[in-house]
C-alpha cells in the first residue's frame, strides 16, 4: 500500500489508465477480428465496411497517442492487403 500522498495518487492513476487501456486494447482486437472474419467468409462488401471502420478508428487512436503512428499504419496496411485478396 502507498505511504505517501504522491504514491497514492499514482496508484489511483494507474487503475484509471489500466481500465482505459483494457478498453482500447479490446476494441482494437474486435475491429481487427471483424475484418478477418469477413475475409474468411469471403464477403468483400462486409470486409470493406469493416476496414473503413478500422481505418477511422486506428487513425483516431494514433492521434490520441493510444497507438503509435507507424503501428496504426502497419496494421491498416496489412488488413487492406488481406481485404484485397478477397477480390482475387
C-alpha atoms as a PDB file:
ATOM      1  CA  UNK A   1       0.000   0.000   0.000  1.00  0.00           C
ATOM      2  CA  UNK A   2       1.167   3.525  -0.778  1.00  0.00           C
ATOM      3  CA  UNK A   3       2.581   5.509   2.128  1.00  0.00           C
ATOM      4  CA  UNK A   4       2.935   8.948   0.515  1.00  0.00           C
ATOM      5  CA  UNK A   5       0.326  11.237  -0.948  1.00  0.00           C
ATOM      6  CA  UNK A   6       2.012  11.210  -4.368  1.00  0.00           C
ATOM      7  CA  UNK A   7       2.225   7.418  -4.323  1.00  0.00           C
ATOM      8  CA  UNK A   8      -1.490   7.176  -3.526  1.00  0.00           C
ATOM      9  CA  UNK A   9      -2.243   9.444  -6.477  1.00  0.00           C
ATOM     10  CA  UNK A  10      -0.039   7.309  -8.729  1.00  0.00           C
ATOM     11  CA  UNK A  11      -1.926   4.191  -7.615  1.00  0.00           C
ATOM     12  CA  UNK A  12      -5.258   5.829  -8.492  1.00  0.00           C
ATOM     13  CA  UNK A  13      -3.957   6.983 -11.871  1.00  0.00           C
ATOM     14  CA  UNK A  14      -2.659   3.512 -12.643  1.00  0.00           C
ATOM     15  CA  UNK A  15      -6.098   1.998 -12.029  1.00  0.00           C
ATOM     16  CA  UNK A  16      -7.779   4.512 -14.337  1.00  0.00           C
ATOM     17  CA  UNK A  17      -5.177   4.086 -17.079  1.00  0.00           C
ATOM     18  CA  UNK A  18      -5.249   0.308 -16.847  1.00  0.00           C
ATOM     19  CA  UNK A  19      -9.022   0.308 -17.317  1.00  0.00           C
ATOM     20  CA  UNK A  20      -8.790   2.711 -20.265  1.00  0.00           C
ATOM     21  CA  UNK A  21      -6.006   0.688 -21.923  1.00  0.00           C
ATOM     22  CA  UNK A  22      -8.004  -2.516 -21.492  1.00  0.00           C
ATOM     23  CA  UNK A  23     -10.946  -0.894 -23.294  1.00  0.00           C
ATOM     24  CA  UNK A  24      -8.847   0.265 -26.249  1.00  0.00           C
ATOM     25  CA  UNK A  25      -6.893  -2.995 -26.492  1.00  0.00           C
ATOM     26  CA  UNK A  26     -10.129  -4.994 -26.648  1.00  0.00           C
ATOM     27  CA  UNK A  27     -11.646  -2.589 -29.181  1.00  0.00           C
ATOM     28  CA  UNK A  28      -8.588  -2.867 -31.430  1.00  0.00           C
ATOM     29  CA  UNK A  29      -8.771  -6.674 -31.312  1.00  0.00           C
ATOM     30  CA  UNK A  30     -12.510  -6.687 -32.061  1.00  0.00           C
ATOM     31  CA  UNK A  31     -12.171  -4.308 -35.020  1.00  0.00           C
ATOM     32  CA  UNK A  32      -9.355  -6.398 -36.469  1.00  0.00           C
ATOM     33  CA  UNK A  33     -11.280  -9.608 -35.917  1.00  0.00           C
ATOM     34  CA  UNK A  34     -14.333  -8.216 -37.755  1.00  0.00           C
ATOM     35  CA  UNK A  35     -12.219  -7.671 -40.869  1.00  0.00           C
ATOM     36  CA  UNK A  36     -10.590 -11.105 -40.647  1.00  0.00           C
ATOM     37  CA  UNK A  37     -13.932 -12.880 -40.141  1.00  0.00           C
ATOM     38  CA  UNK A  38     -15.438 -11.090 -43.155  1.00  0.00           C
ATOM     39  CA  UNK A  39     -12.436 -12.048 -45.286  1.00  0.00           C
ATOM     40  CA  UNK A  40     -12.616 -15.692 -44.192  1.00  0.00           C
ATOM     41  CA  UNK A  41     -16.311 -15.726 -45.067  1.00  0.00           C
ATOM     42  CA  UNK A  42     -15.428 -14.336 -48.489  1.00  0.00           C
ATOM     43  CA  UNK A  43     -17.689 -11.313 -48.032  1.00  0.00           C
ATOM     44  CA  UNK A  44     -15.872  -8.485 -49.843  1.00  0.00           C
ATOM     45  CA  UNK A  45     -18.502  -5.862 -49.028  1.00  0.00           C
ATOM     46  CA  UNK A  46     -18.554  -6.573 -45.278  1.00  0.00           C
ATOM     47  CA  UNK A  47     -14.763  -6.681 -45.201  1.00  0.00           C
ATOM     48  CA  UNK A  48     -14.560  -3.295 -46.924  1.00  0.00           C
ATOM     49  CA  UNK A  49     -17.026  -1.734 -44.471  1.00  0.00           C
ATOM     50  CA  UNK A  50     -15.143  -3.219 -41.516  1.00  0.00           C
ATOM     51  CA  UNK A  51     -11.833  -1.993 -42.961  1.00  0.00           C
ATOM     52  CA  UNK A  52     -13.220   1.524 -43.273  1.00  0.00           C
ATOM     53  CA  UNK A  53     -14.189   1.417 -39.581  1.00  0.00           C
ATOM     54  CA  UNK A  54     -10.719   0.130 -38.657  1.00  0.00           C
ATOM     55  CA  UNK A  55      -9.056   2.856 -40.712  1.00  0.00           C
ATOM     56  CA  UNK A  56     -11.013   5.623 -38.999  1.00  0.00           C
ATOM     57  CA  UNK A  57     -10.551   4.218 -35.502  1.00  0.00           C
ATOM     58  CA  UNK A  58      -6.844   3.448 -35.822  1.00  0.00           C
ATOM     59  CA  UNK A  59      -6.025   6.897 -37.177  1.00  0.00           C
ATOM     60  CA  UNK A  60      -8.000   8.389 -34.304  1.00  0.00           C
ATOM     61  CA  UNK A  61      -6.097   6.243 -31.803  1.00  0.00           C
ATOM     62  CA  UNK A  62      -2.798   7.296 -33.387  1.00  0.00           C
ATOM     63  CA  UNK A  63      -3.770  10.947 -32.984  1.00  0.00           C
ATOM     64  CA  UNK A  64      -4.696  10.391 -29.333  1.00  0.00           C
ATOM     65  CA  UNK A  65      -1.454   8.530 -28.662  1.00  0.00           C
ATOM     66  CA  UNK A  66      -3.048   5.167 -27.950  1.00  0.00           C
ATOM     67  CA  UNK A  67      -1.272   3.606 -30.922  1.00  0.00           C
ATOM     68  CA  UNK A  68       1.941   4.839 -32.463  1.00  0.00           C
ATOM     69  CA  UNK A  69       1.509   6.325 -35.929  1.00  0.00           C
ATOM     70  CA  UNK A  70       3.583   3.659 -37.688  1.00  0.00           C
ATOM     71  CA  UNK A  71       1.872   0.842 -35.785  1.00  0.00           C
ATOM     72  CA  UNK A  72      -1.545   2.076 -36.897  1.00  0.00           C
ATOM     73  CA  UNK A  73      -0.336   2.448 -40.483  1.00  0.00           C
ATOM     74  CA  UNK A  74       1.230  -1.022 -40.486  1.00  0.00           C
ATOM     75  CA  UNK A  75      -1.891  -2.723 -39.149  1.00  0.00           C
ATOM     76  CA  UNK A  76      -4.170  -0.887 -41.582  1.00  0.00           C
ATOM     77  CA  UNK A  77      -1.833  -1.780 -44.444  1.00  0.00           C
ATOM     78  CA  UNK A  78      -1.822  -5.464 -43.565  1.00  0.00           C
ATOM     79  CA  UNK A  79      -5.602  -5.571 -43.220  1.00  0.00           C
ATOM     80  CA  UNK A  80      -6.020  -3.724 -46.546  1.00  0.00           C
ATOM     81  CA  UNK A  81      -3.780  -6.263 -48.195  1.00  0.00           C
ATOM     82  CA  UNK A  82      -5.878  -9.049 -46.696  1.00  0.00           C
ATOM     83  CA  UNK A  83      -9.138  -7.490 -47.926  1.00  0.00           C
ATOM     84  CA  UNK A  84      -7.694  -7.150 -51.424  1.00  0.00           C
ATOM     85  CA  UNK A  85      -7.075 -10.898 -51.564  1.00  0.00           C
ATOM     86  CA  UNK A  86     -10.840 -11.483 -51.393  1.00  0.00           C
ATOM     87  CA  UNK A  87     -11.392  -9.877 -54.797  1.00  0.00           C
ATOM     88  CA  UNK A  88      -8.864 -12.150 -56.485  1.00  0.00           C
END
